[in-house]
PDB file of N, CA and C in Angstrom:
ATOM      1  N   UNK A   1     -15.811   2.421  -3.688  1.00  0.00           N
ATOM      2  CA  UNK A   1     -16.243   1.867  -4.947  1.00  0.00           C
ATOM      3  C   UNK A   1     -16.539   0.387  -4.765  1.00  0.00           C
ATOM      4  N   UNK A   2     -17.724  -0.017  -5.152  1.00  0.00           N
ATOM      5  CA  UNK A   2     -18.139  -1.404  -5.033  1.00  0.00           C
ATOM      6  C   UNK A   2     -17.724  -2.163  -6.289  1.00  0.00           C
ATOM      7  N   UNK A   3     -17.101  -3.320  -6.072  1.00  0.00           N
ATOM      8  CA  UNK A   3     -16.684  -4.168  -7.187  1.00  0.00           C
ATOM      9  C   UNK A   3     -17.683  -5.300  -7.307  1.00  0.00           C
ATOM     10  N   UNK A   4     -18.289  -5.436  -8.469  1.00  0.00           N
ATOM     11  CA  UNK A   4     -19.252  -6.493  -8.717  1.00  0.00           C
ATOM     12  C   UNK A   4     -18.618  -7.556  -9.595  1.00  0.00           C
ATOM     13  N   UNK A   5     -18.736  -8.798  -9.175  1.00  0.00           N
ATOM     14  CA  UNK A   5     -18.195  -9.913  -9.939  1.00  0.00           C
ATOM     15  C   UNK A   5     -19.347 -10.599 -10.661  1.00  0.00           C
ATOM     16  N   UNK A   6     -19.254 -10.752 -11.986  1.00  0.00           N
ATOM     17  CA  UNK A   6     -20.327 -11.417 -12.732  1.00  0.00           C
ATOM     18  C   UNK A   6     -20.530 -12.844 -12.229  1.00  0.00           C
ATOM     19  N   UNK A   7     -21.785 -13.309 -12.271  1.00  0.00           N
ATOM     20  CA  UNK A   7     -22.096 -14.669 -11.826  1.00  0.00           C
ATOM     21  C   UNK A   7     -21.249 -15.713 -12.529  1.00  0.00           C
ATOM     22  N   UNK A   8     -20.964 -15.513 -13.796  1.00  0.00           N
ATOM     23  CA  UNK A   8     -20.185 -16.482 -14.562  1.00  0.00           C
ATOM     24  C   UNK A   8     -18.783 -16.661 -13.983  1.00  0.00           C
ATOM     25  N   UNK A   9     -18.260 -15.654 -13.316  1.00  0.00           N
ATOM     26  CA  UNK A   9     -16.907 -15.729 -12.752  1.00  0.00           C
ATOM     27  C   UNK A   9     -16.883 -16.336 -11.354  1.00  0.00           C
ATOM     28  N   UNK A  10     -18.048 -16.487 -10.724  1.00  0.00           N
ATOM     29  CA  UNK A  10     -18.112 -17.074  -9.392  1.00  0.00           C
ATOM     30  C   UNK A  10     -18.171 -18.590  -9.511  1.00  0.00           C
ATOM     31  N   UNK A  11     -17.091 -19.229  -9.124  1.00  0.00           N
ATOM     32  CA  UNK A  11     -17.008 -20.675  -9.226  1.00  0.00           C
ATOM     33  C   UNK A  11     -16.507 -21.222  -7.898  1.00  0.00           C
ATOM     34  N   UNK A  12     -17.275 -22.125  -7.342  1.00  0.00           N
ATOM     35  CA  UNK A  12     -16.840 -22.777  -6.109  1.00  0.00           C
ATOM     36  C   UNK A  12     -15.770 -23.804  -6.469  1.00  0.00           C
ATOM     37  N   UNK A  13     -14.792 -23.930  -5.593  1.00  0.00           N
ATOM     38  CA  UNK A  13     -13.738 -24.920  -5.823  1.00  0.00           C
ATOM     39  C   UNK A  13     -13.522 -25.731  -4.545  1.00  0.00           C
ATOM     40  N   UNK A  14     -12.531 -26.593  -4.563  1.00  0.00           N
ATOM     41  CA  UNK A  14     -12.267 -27.475  -3.422  1.00  0.00           C
ATOM     42  C   UNK A  14     -11.941 -26.680  -2.159  1.00  0.00           C
ATOM     43  N   UNK A  15     -11.268 -25.549  -2.297  1.00  0.00           N
ATOM     44  CA  UNK A  15     -10.939 -24.724  -1.133  1.00  0.00           C
ATOM     45  C   UNK A  15     -12.210 -24.229  -0.445  1.00  0.00           C
ATOM     46  N   UNK A  16     -13.200 -23.847  -1.218  1.00  0.00           N
ATOM     47  CA  UNK A  16     -14.469 -23.390  -0.639  1.00  0.00           C
ATOM     48  C   UNK A  16     -15.178 -24.554   0.060  1.00  0.00           C
ATOM     49  N   UNK A  17     -15.129 -25.725  -0.552  1.00  0.00           N
ATOM     50  CA  UNK A  17     -15.746 -26.909   0.048  1.00  0.00           C
ATOM     51  C   UNK A  17     -15.118 -27.203   1.398  1.00  0.00           C
ATOM     52  N   UNK A  18     -13.800 -27.145   1.473  1.00  0.00           N
ATOM     53  CA  UNK A  18     -13.098 -27.391   2.740  1.00  0.00           C
ATOM     54  C   UNK A  18     -13.457 -26.329   3.779  1.00  0.00           C
ATOM     55  N   UNK A  19     -13.581 -25.095   3.362  1.00  0.00           N
ATOM     56  CA  UNK A  19     -13.923 -24.021   4.292  1.00  0.00           C
ATOM     57  C   UNK A  19     -15.326 -24.222   4.863  1.00  0.00           C
ATOM     58  N   UNK A  20     -16.288 -24.534   4.007  1.00  0.00           N
ATOM     59  CA  UNK A  20     -17.647 -24.769   4.493  1.00  0.00           C
ATOM     60  C   UNK A  20     -17.691 -25.997   5.392  1.00  0.00           C
ATOM     61  N   UNK A  21     -16.931 -27.023   5.029  1.00  0.00           N
ATOM     62  CA  UNK A  21     -16.877 -28.238   5.845  1.00  0.00           C
ATOM     63  C   UNK A  21     -16.317 -27.914   7.234  1.00  0.00           C
ATOM     64  N   UNK A  22     -15.289 -27.089   7.290  1.00  0.00           N
ATOM     65  CA  UNK A  22     -14.682 -26.731   8.574  1.00  0.00           C
ATOM     66  C   UNK A  22     -15.671 -25.981   9.463  1.00  0.00           C
ATOM     67  N   UNK A  23     -16.544 -25.213   8.871  1.00  0.00           N
ATOM     68  CA  UNK A  23     -17.515 -24.431   9.647  1.00  0.00           C
ATOM     69  C   UNK A  23     -18.717 -25.264  10.085  1.00  0.00           C
ATOM     70  N   UNK A  24     -18.799 -26.498   9.625  1.00  0.00           N
ATOM     71  CA  UNK A  24     -19.940 -27.356   9.934  1.00  0.00           C
ATOM     72  C   UNK A  24     -19.769 -28.070  11.276  1.00  0.00           C
ATOM     73  N   UNK A  25     -19.170 -27.392  12.225  1.00  0.00           N
ATOM     74  CA  UNK A  25     -19.003 -27.913  13.588  1.00  0.00           C
ATOM     75  C   UNK A  25     -19.209 -26.740  14.542  1.00  0.00           C
ATOM     76  N   UNK A  26     -20.013 -26.926  15.553  1.00  0.00           N
ATOM     77  CA  UNK A  26     -20.406 -25.812  16.412  1.00  0.00           C
ATOM     78  C   UNK A  26     -19.214 -25.112  17.067  1.00  0.00           C
ATOM     79  N   UNK A  27     -18.268 -25.859  17.587  1.00  0.00           N
ATOM     80  CA  UNK A  27     -17.116 -25.218  18.239  1.00  0.00           C
ATOM     81  C   UNK A  27     -16.311 -24.408  17.250  1.00  0.00           C
ATOM     82  N   UNK A  28     -16.045 -24.963  16.065  1.00  0.00           N
ATOM     83  CA  UNK A  28     -15.277 -24.218  15.053  1.00  0.00           C
ATOM     84  C   UNK A  28     -16.044 -22.982  14.595  1.00  0.00           C
ATOM     85  N   UNK A  29     -17.338 -23.106  14.446  1.00  0.00           N
ATOM     86  CA  UNK A  29     -18.157 -21.957  14.048  1.00  0.00           C
ATOM     87  C   UNK A  29     -18.096 -20.866  15.115  1.00  0.00           C
ATOM     88  N   UNK A  30     -18.165 -21.245  16.379  1.00  0.00           N
ATOM     89  CA  UNK A  30     -18.066 -20.274  17.477  1.00  0.00           C
ATOM     90  C   UNK A  30     -16.699 -19.592  17.487  1.00  0.00           C
ATOM     91  N   UNK A  31     -15.640 -20.361  17.299  1.00  0.00           N
ATOM     92  CA  UNK A  31     -14.286 -19.798  17.262  1.00  0.00           C
ATOM     93  C   UNK A  31     -14.163 -18.839  16.092  1.00  0.00           C
ATOM     94  N   UNK A  32     -14.663 -19.243  14.935  1.00  0.00           N
ATOM     95  CA  UNK A  32     -14.609 -18.400  13.741  1.00  0.00           C
ATOM     96  C   UNK A  32     -15.357 -17.089  13.970  1.00  0.00           C
ATOM     97  N   UNK A  33     -16.573 -17.164  14.512  1.00  0.00           N
ATOM     98  CA  UNK A  33     -17.345 -15.952  14.791  1.00  0.00           C
ATOM     99  C   UNK A  33     -16.615 -15.056  15.791  1.00  0.00           C
ATOM    100  N   UNK A  34     -15.996 -15.660  16.795  1.00  0.00           N
ATOM    101  CA  UNK A  34     -15.239 -14.891  17.780  1.00  0.00           C
ATOM    102  C   UNK A  34     -14.126 -14.104  17.092  1.00  0.00           C
ATOM    103  N   UNK A  35     -13.403 -14.757  16.196  1.00  0.00           N
ATOM    104  CA  UNK A  35     -12.309 -14.081  15.493  1.00  0.00           C
ATOM    105  C   UNK A  35     -12.824 -13.014  14.524  1.00  0.00           C
ATOM    106  N   UNK A  36     -13.936 -13.281  13.870  1.00  0.00           N
ATOM    107  CA  UNK A  36     -14.519 -12.283  12.966  1.00  0.00           C
ATOM    108  C   UNK A  36     -14.899 -11.034  13.760  1.00  0.00           C
ATOM    109  N   UNK A  37     -15.550 -11.226  14.888  1.00  0.00           N
ATOM    110  CA  UNK A  37     -15.967 -10.083  15.711  1.00  0.00           C
ATOM    111  C   UNK A  37     -14.779  -9.348  16.324  1.00  0.00           C
ATOM    112  N   UNK A  38     -13.693 -10.059  16.592  1.00  0.00           N
ATOM    113  CA  UNK A  38     -12.515  -9.438  17.203  1.00  0.00           C
ATOM    114  C   UNK A  38     -11.865  -8.427  16.264  1.00  0.00           C
ATOM    115  N   UNK A  39     -11.892  -8.681  14.960  1.00  0.00           N
ATOM    116  CA  UNK A  39     -11.307  -7.781  13.954  1.00  0.00           C
ATOM    117  C   UNK A  39      -9.843  -7.454  14.214  1.00  0.00           C
ATOM    118  N   UNK A  40      -9.118  -8.401  14.792  1.00  0.00           N
ATOM    119  CA  UNK A  40      -7.696  -8.221  15.086  1.00  0.00           C
ATOM    120  C   UNK A  40      -7.076  -9.595  15.299  1.00  0.00           C
ATOM    121  N   UNK A  41      -5.772  -9.607  15.451  1.00  0.00           N
ATOM    122  CA  UNK A  41      -5.099 -10.838  15.834  1.00  0.00           C
ATOM    123  C   UNK A  41      -5.391 -11.102  17.308  1.00  0.00           C
ATOM    124  N   UNK A  42      -5.714 -12.345  17.610  1.00  0.00           N
ATOM    125  CA  UNK A  42      -6.066 -12.703  18.979  1.00  0.00           C
ATOM    126  C   UNK A  42      -5.132 -13.810  19.452  1.00  0.00           C
ATOM    127  N   UNK A  43      -4.522 -13.634  20.633  1.00  0.00           N
ATOM    128  CA  UNK A  43      -3.667 -14.693  21.145  1.00  0.00           C
ATOM    129  C   UNK A  43      -4.477 -15.947  21.478  1.00  0.00           C
ATOM    130  N   UNK A  44      -3.863 -17.090  21.286  1.00  0.00           N
ATOM    131  CA  UNK A  44      -4.549 -18.364  21.508  1.00  0.00           C
ATOM    132  C   UNK A  44      -5.149 -18.455  22.910  1.00  0.00           C
ATOM    133  N   UNK A  45      -4.432 -17.953  23.908  1.00  0.00           N
ATOM    134  CA  UNK A  45      -4.938 -18.002  25.276  1.00  0.00           C
ATOM    135  C   UNK A  45      -6.231 -17.236  25.460  1.00  0.00           C
ATOM    136  N   UNK A  46      -6.362 -16.131  24.761  1.00  0.00           N
ATOM    137  CA  UNK A  46      -7.593 -15.333  24.844  1.00  0.00           C
ATOM    138  C   UNK A  46      -8.757 -16.077  24.190  1.00  0.00           C
ATOM    139  N   UNK A  47      -8.478 -16.758  23.099  1.00  0.00           N
ATOM    140  CA  UNK A  47      -9.522 -17.552  22.440  1.00  0.00           C
ATOM    141  C   UNK A  47      -9.963 -18.671  23.373  1.00  0.00           C
ATOM    142  N   UNK A  48      -9.003 -19.335  23.986  1.00  0.00           N
ATOM    143  CA  UNK A  48      -9.299 -20.448  24.882  1.00  0.00           C
ATOM    144  C   UNK A  48     -10.138 -19.977  26.073  1.00  0.00           C
ATOM    145  N   UNK A  49      -9.804 -18.838  26.634  1.00  0.00           N
ATOM    146  CA  UNK A  49     -10.585 -18.268  27.738  1.00  0.00           C
ATOM    147  C   UNK A  49     -12.019 -17.980  27.329  1.00  0.00           C
ATOM    148  N   UNK A  50     -12.172 -17.367  26.181  1.00  0.00           N
ATOM    149  CA  UNK A  50     -13.507 -16.985  25.705  1.00  0.00           C
ATOM    150  C   UNK A  50     -14.357 -18.198  25.346  1.00  0.00           C
ATOM    151  N   UNK A  51     -13.741 -19.226  24.780  1.00  0.00           N
ATOM    152  CA  UNK A  51     -14.489 -20.394  24.319  1.00  0.00           C
ATOM    153  C   UNK A  51     -14.731 -21.415  25.421  1.00  0.00           C
ATOM    154  N   UNK A  52     -13.912 -21.355  26.467  1.00  0.00           N
ATOM    155  CA  UNK A  52     -14.014 -22.320  27.563  1.00  0.00           C
ATOM    156  C   UNK A  52     -13.955 -23.763  27.049  1.00  0.00           C
ATOM    157  N   UNK A  53     -12.995 -23.997  26.175  1.00  0.00           N
ATOM    158  CA  UNK A  53     -12.766 -25.314  25.577  1.00  0.00           C
ATOM    159  C   UNK A  53     -11.376 -25.760  26.017  1.00  0.00           C
ATOM    160  N   UNK A  54     -11.203 -27.026  26.367  1.00  0.00           N
ATOM    161  CA  UNK A  54      -9.859 -27.493  26.736  1.00  0.00           C
ATOM    162  C   UNK A  54      -8.857 -27.198  25.621  1.00  0.00           C
ATOM    163  N   UNK A  55      -7.636 -26.858  26.020  1.00  0.00           N
ATOM    164  CA  UNK A  55      -6.634 -26.455  25.037  1.00  0.00           C
ATOM    165  C   UNK A  55      -6.407 -27.481  23.927  1.00  0.00           C
ATOM    166  N   UNK A  56      -6.267 -28.786  24.210  1.00  0.00           N
ATOM    167  CA  UNK A  56      -6.039 -29.738  23.106  1.00  0.00           C
ATOM    168  C   UNK A  56      -7.187 -29.729  22.081  1.00  0.00           C
ATOM    169  N   UNK A  57      -8.408 -29.590  22.571  1.00  0.00           N
ATOM    170  CA  UNK A  57      -9.573 -29.538  21.676  1.00  0.00           C
ATOM    171  C   UNK A  57      -9.538 -28.268  20.838  1.00  0.00           C
ATOM    172  N   UNK A  58      -9.278 -27.141  21.484  1.00  0.00           N
ATOM    173  CA  UNK A  58      -9.218 -25.871  20.760  1.00  0.00           C
ATOM    174  C   UNK A  58      -8.103 -25.883  19.723  1.00  0.00           C
ATOM    175  N   UNK A  59      -6.959 -26.401  20.085  1.00  0.00           N
ATOM    176  CA  UNK A  59      -5.835 -26.481  19.159  1.00  0.00           C
ATOM    177  C   UNK A  59      -6.214 -27.257  17.906  1.00  0.00           C
ATOM    178  N   UNK A  60      -6.914 -28.364  18.090  1.00  0.00           N
ATOM    179  CA  UNK A  60      -7.383 -29.174  16.959  1.00  0.00           C
ATOM    180  C   UNK A  60      -8.313 -28.357  16.058  1.00  0.00           C
ATOM    181  N   UNK A  61      -9.263 -27.646  16.655  1.00  0.00           N
ATOM    182  CA  UNK A  61     -10.219 -26.867  15.868  1.00  0.00           C
ATOM    183  C   UNK A  61      -9.537 -25.693  15.157  1.00  0.00           C
ATOM    184  N   UNK A  62      -8.615 -25.032  15.830  1.00  0.00           N
ATOM    185  CA  UNK A  62      -7.879 -23.938  15.188  1.00  0.00           C
ATOM    186  C   UNK A  62      -7.073 -24.451  14.000  1.00  0.00           C
ATOM    187  N   UNK A  63      -6.477 -25.610  14.155  1.00  0.00           N
ATOM    188  CA  UNK A  63      -5.701 -26.191  13.058  1.00  0.00           C
ATOM    189  C   UNK A  63      -6.590 -26.510  11.858  1.00  0.00           C
ATOM    190  N   UNK A  64      -7.767 -27.055  12.103  1.00  0.00           N
ATOM    191  CA  UNK A  64      -8.688 -27.347  10.999  1.00  0.00           C
ATOM    192  C   UNK A  64      -9.150 -26.071  10.301  1.00  0.00           C
ATOM    193  N   UNK A  65      -9.448 -25.031  11.060  1.00  0.00           N
ATOM    194  CA  UNK A  65      -9.839 -23.755  10.460  1.00  0.00           C
ATOM    195  C   UNK A  65      -8.692 -23.152   9.644  1.00  0.00           C
ATOM    196  N   UNK A  66      -7.478 -23.293  10.152  1.00  0.00           N
ATOM    197  CA  UNK A  66      -6.303 -22.774   9.438  1.00  0.00           C
ATOM    198  C   UNK A  66      -6.074 -23.560   8.146  1.00  0.00           C
ATOM    199  N   UNK A  67      -6.136 -24.877   8.217  1.00  0.00           N
ATOM    200  CA  UNK A  67      -5.930 -25.696   7.011  1.00  0.00           C
ATOM    201  C   UNK A  67      -7.037 -25.483   5.981  1.00  0.00           C
ATOM    202  N   UNK A  68      -8.221 -25.091   6.434  1.00  0.00           N
ATOM    203  CA  UNK A  68      -9.333 -24.815   5.521  1.00  0.00           C
ATOM    204  C   UNK A  68      -9.227 -23.428   4.903  1.00  0.00           C
ATOM    205  N   UNK A  69      -8.226 -22.651   5.319  1.00  0.00           N
ATOM    206  CA  UNK A  69      -8.012 -21.336   4.719  1.00  0.00           C
ATOM    207  C   UNK A  69      -8.855 -20.226   5.302  1.00  0.00           C
ATOM    208  N   UNK A  70      -9.520 -20.479   6.431  1.00  0.00           N
ATOM    209  CA  UNK A  70     -10.390 -19.469   7.033  1.00  0.00           C
ATOM    210  C   UNK A  70      -9.672 -18.542   7.996  1.00  0.00           C
ATOM    211  N   UNK A  71      -8.626 -19.055   8.632  1.00  0.00           N
ATOM    212  CA  UNK A  71      -7.871 -18.241   9.571  1.00  0.00           C
ATOM    213  C   UNK A  71      -6.377 -18.407   9.287  1.00  0.00           C
ATOM    214  N   UNK A  72      -5.606 -17.509   9.841  1.00  0.00           N
ATOM    215  CA  UNK A  72      -4.154 -17.595   9.729  1.00  0.00           C
ATOM    216  C   UNK A  72      -3.562 -17.461  11.122  1.00  0.00           C
ATOM    217  N   UNK A  73      -2.354 -17.968  11.269  1.00  0.00           N
ATOM    218  CA  UNK A  73      -1.691 -17.870  12.563  1.00  0.00           C
ATOM    219  C   UNK A  73      -0.313 -17.250  12.379  1.00  0.00           C
ATOM    220  N   UNK A  74       0.143 -16.643  13.449  1.00  0.00           N
ATOM    221  CA  UNK A  74       1.465 -16.019  13.453  1.00  0.00           C
ATOM    222  C   UNK A  74       2.059 -16.244  14.828  1.00  0.00           C
ATOM    223  N   UNK A  75       3.273 -16.759  14.832  1.00  0.00           N
ATOM    224  CA  UNK A  75       3.948 -17.010  16.103  1.00  0.00           C
ATOM    225  C   UNK A  75       4.917 -15.877  16.393  1.00  0.00           C
ATOM    226  N   UNK A  76       4.866 -15.403  17.620  1.00  0.00           N
ATOM    227  CA  UNK A  76       5.782 -14.365  18.079  1.00  0.00           C
ATOM    228  C   UNK A  76       6.279 -14.785  19.456  1.00  0.00           C
ATOM    229  N   UNK A  77       7.562 -15.106  19.506  1.00  0.00           N
ATOM    230  CA  UNK A  77       8.162 -15.659  20.718  1.00  0.00           C
ATOM    231  C   UNK A  77       7.393 -16.909  21.111  1.00  0.00           C
ATOM    232  N   UNK A  78       6.809 -16.939  22.281  1.00  0.00           N
ATOM    233  CA  UNK A  78       6.090 -18.155  22.692  1.00  0.00           C
ATOM    234  C   UNK A  78       4.576 -18.049  22.499  1.00  0.00           C
ATOM    235  N   UNK A  79       4.121 -16.970  21.894  1.00  0.00           N
ATOM    236  CA  UNK A  79       2.693 -16.741  21.688  1.00  0.00           C
ATOM    237  C   UNK A  79       2.309 -17.007  20.236  1.00  0.00           C
ATOM    238  N   UNK A  80       1.086 -17.530  20.053  1.00  0.00           N
ATOM    239  CA  UNK A  80       0.532 -17.721  18.716  1.00  0.00           C
ATOM    240  C   UNK A  80      -0.713 -16.847  18.619  1.00  0.00           C
ATOM    241  N   UNK A  81      -0.774 -16.075  17.544  1.00  0.00           N
ATOM    242  CA  UNK A  81      -1.891 -15.165  17.305  1.00  0.00           C
ATOM    243  C   UNK A  81      -2.680 -15.663  16.106  1.00  0.00           C
ATOM    244  N   UNK A  82      -4.002 -15.574  16.195  1.00  0.00           N
ATOM    245  CA  UNK A  82      -4.884 -16.013  15.120  1.00  0.00           C
ATOM    246  C   UNK A  82      -5.729 -14.846  14.632  1.00  0.00           C
ATOM    247  N   UNK A  83      -6.012 -14.861  13.333  1.00  0.00           N
ATOM    248  CA  UNK A  83      -6.897 -13.855  12.743  1.00  0.00           C
ATOM    249  C   UNK A  83      -7.597 -14.477  11.541  1.00  0.00           C
ATOM    250  N   UNK A  84      -8.675 -13.840  11.139  1.00  0.00           N
ATOM    251  CA  UNK A  84      -9.481 -14.310  10.006  1.00  0.00           C
ATOM    252  C   UNK A  84      -8.795 -13.929   8.692  1.00  0.00           C
ATOM    253  N   UNK A  85      -8.858 -14.820   7.727  1.00  0.00           N
ATOM    254  CA  UNK A  85      -8.385 -14.508   6.370  1.00  0.00           C
ATOM    255  C   UNK A  85      -9.569 -13.883   5.634  1.00  0.00           C
ATOM    256  N   UNK A  86      -9.619 -12.598   5.645  1.00  0.00           N
ATOM    257  CA  UNK A  86     -10.792 -11.859   5.147  1.00  0.00           C
ATOM    258  C   UNK A  86     -11.103 -12.126   3.668  1.00  0.00           C
ATOM    259  N   UNK A  87     -10.090 -12.325   2.849  1.00  0.00           N
ATOM    260  CA  UNK A  87     -10.354 -12.555   1.428  1.00  0.00           C
ATOM    261  C   UNK A  87     -11.131 -13.853   1.206  1.00  0.00           C
ATOM    262  N   UNK A  88     -10.770 -14.907   1.925  1.00  0.00           N
ATOM    263  CA  UNK A  88     -11.496 -16.178   1.783  1.00  0.00           C
ATOM    264  C   UNK A  88     -12.931 -16.022   2.260  1.00  0.00           C
ATOM    265  N   UNK A  89     -13.116 -15.323   3.348  1.00  0.00           N
ATOM    266  CA  UNK A  89     -14.469 -15.098   3.869  1.00  0.00           C
ATOM    267  C   UNK A  89     -15.283 -14.290   2.855  1.00  0.00           C
ATOM    268  N   UNK A  90     -14.684 -13.278   2.273  1.00  0.00           N
ATOM    269  CA  UNK A  90     -15.374 -12.469   1.270  1.00  0.00           C
ATOM    270  C   UNK A  90     -15.779 -13.324   0.063  1.00  0.00           C
ATOM    271  N   UNK A  91     -14.891 -14.215  -0.363  1.00  0.00           N
ATOM    272  CA  UNK A  91     -15.216 -15.110  -1.481  1.00  0.00           C
ATOM    273  C   UNK A  91     -16.419 -15.984  -1.144  1.00  0.00           C
ATOM    274  N   UNK A  92     -16.437 -16.526   0.066  1.00  0.00           N
ATOM    275  CA  UNK A  92     -17.536 -17.399   0.468  1.00  0.00           C
ATOM    276  C   UNK A  92     -18.857 -16.639   0.536  1.00  0.00           C
ATOM    277  N   UNK A  93     -18.817 -15.419   1.045  1.00  0.00           N
ATOM    278  CA  UNK A  93     -20.030 -14.606   1.114  1.00  0.00           C
ATOM    279  C   UNK A  93     -20.533 -14.315  -0.305  1.00  0.00           C
ATOM    280  N   UNK A  94     -19.613 -13.971  -1.205  1.00  0.00           N
ATOM    281  CA  UNK A  94     -20.020 -13.717  -2.603  1.00  0.00           C
ATOM    282  C   UNK A  94     -20.649 -14.958  -3.217  1.00  0.00           C
ATOM    283  N   UNK A  95     -20.079 -16.125  -2.954  1.00  0.00           N
ATOM    284  CA  UNK A  95     -20.654 -17.366  -3.489  1.00  0.00           C
ATOM    285  C   UNK A  95     -22.065 -17.598  -2.955  1.00  0.00           C
ATOM    286  N   UNK A  96     -22.238 -17.377  -1.665  1.00  0.00           N
ATOM    287  CA  UNK A  96     -23.546 -17.638  -1.046  1.00  0.00           C
ATOM    288  C   UNK A  96     -24.606 -16.633  -1.486  1.00  0.00           C
ATOM    289  N   UNK A  97     -24.207 -15.411  -1.733  1.00  0.00           N
ATOM    290  CA  UNK A  97     -25.198 -14.387  -2.074  1.00  0.00           C
ATOM    291  C   UNK A  97     -25.407 -14.204  -3.574  1.00  0.00           C
ATOM    292  N   UNK A  98     -24.571 -14.789  -4.388  1.00  0.00           N
ATOM    293  CA  UNK A  98     -24.648 -14.593  -5.835  1.00  0.00           C
ATOM    294  C   UNK A  98     -25.940 -15.079  -6.441  1.00  0.00           C
ATOM    295  N   UNK A  99     -26.476 -16.148  -5.898  1.00  0.00           N
ATOM    296  CA  UNK A  99     -27.672 -16.706  -6.523  1.00  0.00           C
ATOM    297  C   UNK A  99     -28.937 -16.420  -5.726  1.00  0.00           C
ATOM    298  N   UNK A 100     -28.846 -15.544  -4.772  1.00  0.00           N
ATOM    299  CA  UNK A 100     -30.029 -15.226  -3.941  1.00  0.00           C
ATOM    300  C   UNK A 100     -30.723 -13.979  -4.454  1.00  0.00           C
TER     301      UNK A 100
END
């Protein structure tokens, strides 16, 4: 069942602004796309291998994506796993497509 949200109910807020701002950097956009395509929790080391970005740089970008509400992290023992926050992504897609 498809749920349709009336245009009047679609309102961009500061959280959406921060999310779009976070995606306005090529490395963060690549990391985000990698996680979207993965469709699962991905360990930080696997992201670093795939992105070929130095760990301190990647850590900074992951933190910005997390603070922008686009991804979430979970620590298990000494490993950190990242995944996409699908609800926020769905909200952003609805905002972008509502007026098209």
